[in-house]
Protein backbone atom coordinates (compact mmCIF):
# COMPACT_ATOMS: atom_id res chain seq x y z
CA UNK A 1 0.00 0.00 0.00
CA UNK A 2 1.30 3.40 -0.89
CA UNK A 3 0.04 6.86 0.03
CA UNK A 4 -2.13 8.76 -2.42
CA UNK A 5 -1.29 12.33 -1.43
CA UNK A 6 -4.43 13.54 -3.25
CA UNK A 7 -6.80 11.69 -0.88
CA UNK A 8 -6.66 12.61 2.81
CA UNK A 9 -8.52 10.28 5.19
CA UNK A 10 -8.96 10.09 8.98
CA UNK A 11 -11.09 6.91 8.99
CA UNK A 12 -8.64 4.53 10.64
CA UNK A 13 -11.14 1.64 10.59
CA UNK A 14 -10.94 1.56 6.77
CA UNK A 15 -8.51 -0.96 5.29
CA UNK A 16 -7.33 1.64 2.73
CA UNK A 17 -6.31 4.18 5.41
CA UNK A 18 -2.58 4.53 6.09
CA UNK A 19 -3.00 5.16 9.81
CA UNK A 20 -0.75 7.86 11.22
CA UNK A 21 -0.22 9.41 7.77
CA UNK A 22 -3.99 10.15 7.41
CA UNK A 23 -4.07 9.32 3.70
CA UNK A 24 -5.82 6.75 1.52
CA UNK A 25 -3.96 4.11 -0.46
CA UNK A 26 -6.51 3.90 -3.30
CA UNK A 27 -5.90 5.50 -6.70
CA UNK A 28 -9.39 7.00 -6.57
CA UNK A 29 -12.47 6.84 -4.33
CA UNK A 30 -16.20 6.96 -4.99
CA UNK A 31 -18.24 9.47 -3.00
CA UNK A 32 -21.99 9.08 -2.70
CA UNK A 33 -24.90 10.22 -0.58
CA UNK A 34 -27.68 8.72 1.51
CA UNK A 35 -29.90 11.79 1.06
CA UNK A 36 -32.19 12.80 -1.80
CA UNK A 37 -30.90 16.39 -1.67
CA UNK A 38 -27.58 16.60 0.26
CA UNK A 39 -26.88 20.03 1.75
CA UNK A 40 -24.10 19.43 4.30
CA UNK A 41 -20.93 17.27 4.35
CA UNK A 42 -22.58 14.84 6.80
CA UNK A 43 -24.93 13.79 4.00
CA UNK A 44 -22.07 12.30 1.96
CA UNK A 45 -20.36 8.92 2.23
CA UNK A 46 -17.14 7.34 0.98
CA UNK A 47 -18.49 4.39 -1.00
CA UNK A 48 -14.96 2.98 -1.28
CA UNK A 49 -14.87 2.26 2.47
CA UNK A 50 -13.99 -1.30 3.45
CA UNK A 51 -13.77 -2.31 7.10
CA UNK A 52 -10.25 -3.18 8.23
CA UNK A 53 -9.93 -6.70 9.62
CA UNK A 54 -9.77 -6.77 13.41
CA UNK A 55 -11.87 -3.61 13.91
CA UNK A 56 -14.96 -3.79 16.10
C-alpha atoms as a PDB file:
ATOM      1  CA  UNK A   1       0.000   0.000   0.000  1.00  0.00           C
ATOM      2  CA  UNK A   2       1.297   3.405  -0.885  1.00  0.00           C
ATOM      3  CA  UNK A   3       0.037   6.861   0.032  1.00  0.00           C
ATOM      4  CA  UNK A   4      -2.135   8.759  -2.424  1.00  0.00           C
ATOM      5  CA  UNK A   5      -1.288  12.329  -1.434  1.00  0.00           C
ATOM      6  CA  UNK A   6      -4.429  13.539  -3.253  1.00  0.00           C
ATOM      7  CA  UNK A   7      -6.805  11.692  -0.882  1.00  0.00           C
ATOM      8  CA  UNK A   8      -6.661  12.608   2.806  1.00  0.00           C
ATOM      9  CA  UNK A   9      -8.517  10.282   5.189  1.00  0.00           C
ATOM     10  CA  UNK A  10      -8.962  10.094   8.978  1.00  0.00           C
ATOM     11  CA  UNK A  11     -11.090   6.912   8.986  1.00  0.00           C
ATOM     12  CA  UNK A  12      -8.638   4.526  10.638  1.00  0.00           C
ATOM     13  CA  UNK A  13     -11.144   1.643  10.592  1.00  0.00           C
ATOM     14  CA  UNK A  14     -10.939   1.563   6.769  1.00  0.00           C
ATOM     15  CA  UNK A  15      -8.513  -0.958   5.294  1.00  0.00           C
ATOM     16  CA  UNK A  16      -7.334   1.644   2.734  1.00  0.00           C
ATOM     17  CA  UNK A  17      -6.314   4.179   5.411  1.00  0.00           C
ATOM     18  CA  UNK A  18      -2.584   4.525   6.091  1.00  0.00           C
ATOM     19  CA  UNK A  19      -3.005   5.163   9.805  1.00  0.00           C
ATOM     20  CA  UNK A  20      -0.748   7.858  11.216  1.00  0.00           C
ATOM     21  CA  UNK A  21      -0.225   9.408   7.767  1.00  0.00           C
ATOM     22  CA  UNK A  22      -3.994  10.145   7.405  1.00  0.00           C
ATOM     23  CA  UNK A  23      -4.067   9.323   3.701  1.00  0.00           C
ATOM     24  CA  UNK A  24      -5.824   6.753   1.518  1.00  0.00           C
ATOM     25  CA  UNK A  25      -3.959   4.105  -0.464  1.00  0.00           C
ATOM     26  CA  UNK A  26      -6.511   3.895  -3.298  1.00  0.00           C
ATOM     27  CA  UNK A  27      -5.901   5.502  -6.704  1.00  0.00           C
ATOM     28  CA  UNK A  28      -9.386   7.002  -6.566  1.00  0.00           C
ATOM     29  CA  UNK A  29     -12.468   6.844  -4.334  1.00  0.00           C
ATOM     30  CA  UNK A  30     -16.197   6.958  -4.993  1.00  0.00           C
ATOM     31  CA  UNK A  31     -18.241   9.466  -2.999  1.00  0.00           C
ATOM     32  CA  UNK A  32     -21.994   9.078  -2.704  1.00  0.00           C
ATOM     33  CA  UNK A  33     -24.900  10.221  -0.583  1.00  0.00           C
ATOM     34  CA  UNK A  34     -27.675   8.719   1.509  1.00  0.00           C
ATOM     35  CA  UNK A  35     -29.898  11.793   1.063  1.00  0.00           C
ATOM     36  CA  UNK A  36     -32.190  12.805  -1.801  1.00  0.00           C
ATOM     37  CA  UNK A  37     -30.897  16.391  -1.667  1.00  0.00           C
ATOM     38  CA  UNK A  38     -27.580  16.601   0.257  1.00  0.00           C
ATOM     39  CA  UNK A  39     -26.882  20.028   1.747  1.00  0.00           C
ATOM     40  CA  UNK A  40     -24.100  19.434   4.304  1.00  0.00           C
ATOM     41  CA  UNK A  41     -20.933  17.270   4.353  1.00  0.00           C
ATOM     42  CA  UNK A  42     -22.580  14.837   6.796  1.00  0.00           C
ATOM     43  CA  UNK A  43     -24.933  13.785   3.999  1.00  0.00           C
ATOM     44  CA  UNK A  44     -22.073  12.304   1.961  1.00  0.00           C
ATOM     45  CA  UNK A  45     -20.356   8.924   2.230  1.00  0.00           C
ATOM     46  CA  UNK A  46     -17.136   7.336   0.984  1.00  0.00           C
ATOM     47  CA  UNK A  47     -18.489   4.392  -0.996  1.00  0.00           C
ATOM     48  CA  UNK A  48     -14.959   2.977  -1.284  1.00  0.00           C
ATOM     49  CA  UNK A  49     -14.866   2.264   2.466  1.00  0.00           C
ATOM     50  CA  UNK A  50     -13.988  -1.304   3.446  1.00  0.00           C
ATOM     51  CA  UNK A  51     -13.774  -2.307   7.096  1.00  0.00           C
ATOM     52  CA  UNK A  52     -10.253  -3.179   8.232  1.00  0.00           C
ATOM     53  CA  UNK A  53      -9.929  -6.704   9.618  1.00  0.00           C
ATOM     54  CA  UNK A  54      -9.774  -6.774  13.410  1.00  0.00           C
ATOM     55  CA  UNK A  55     -11.868  -3.612  13.908  1.00  0.00           C
ATOM     56  CA  UNK A  56     -14.955  -3.788  16.096  1.00  0.00           C
END
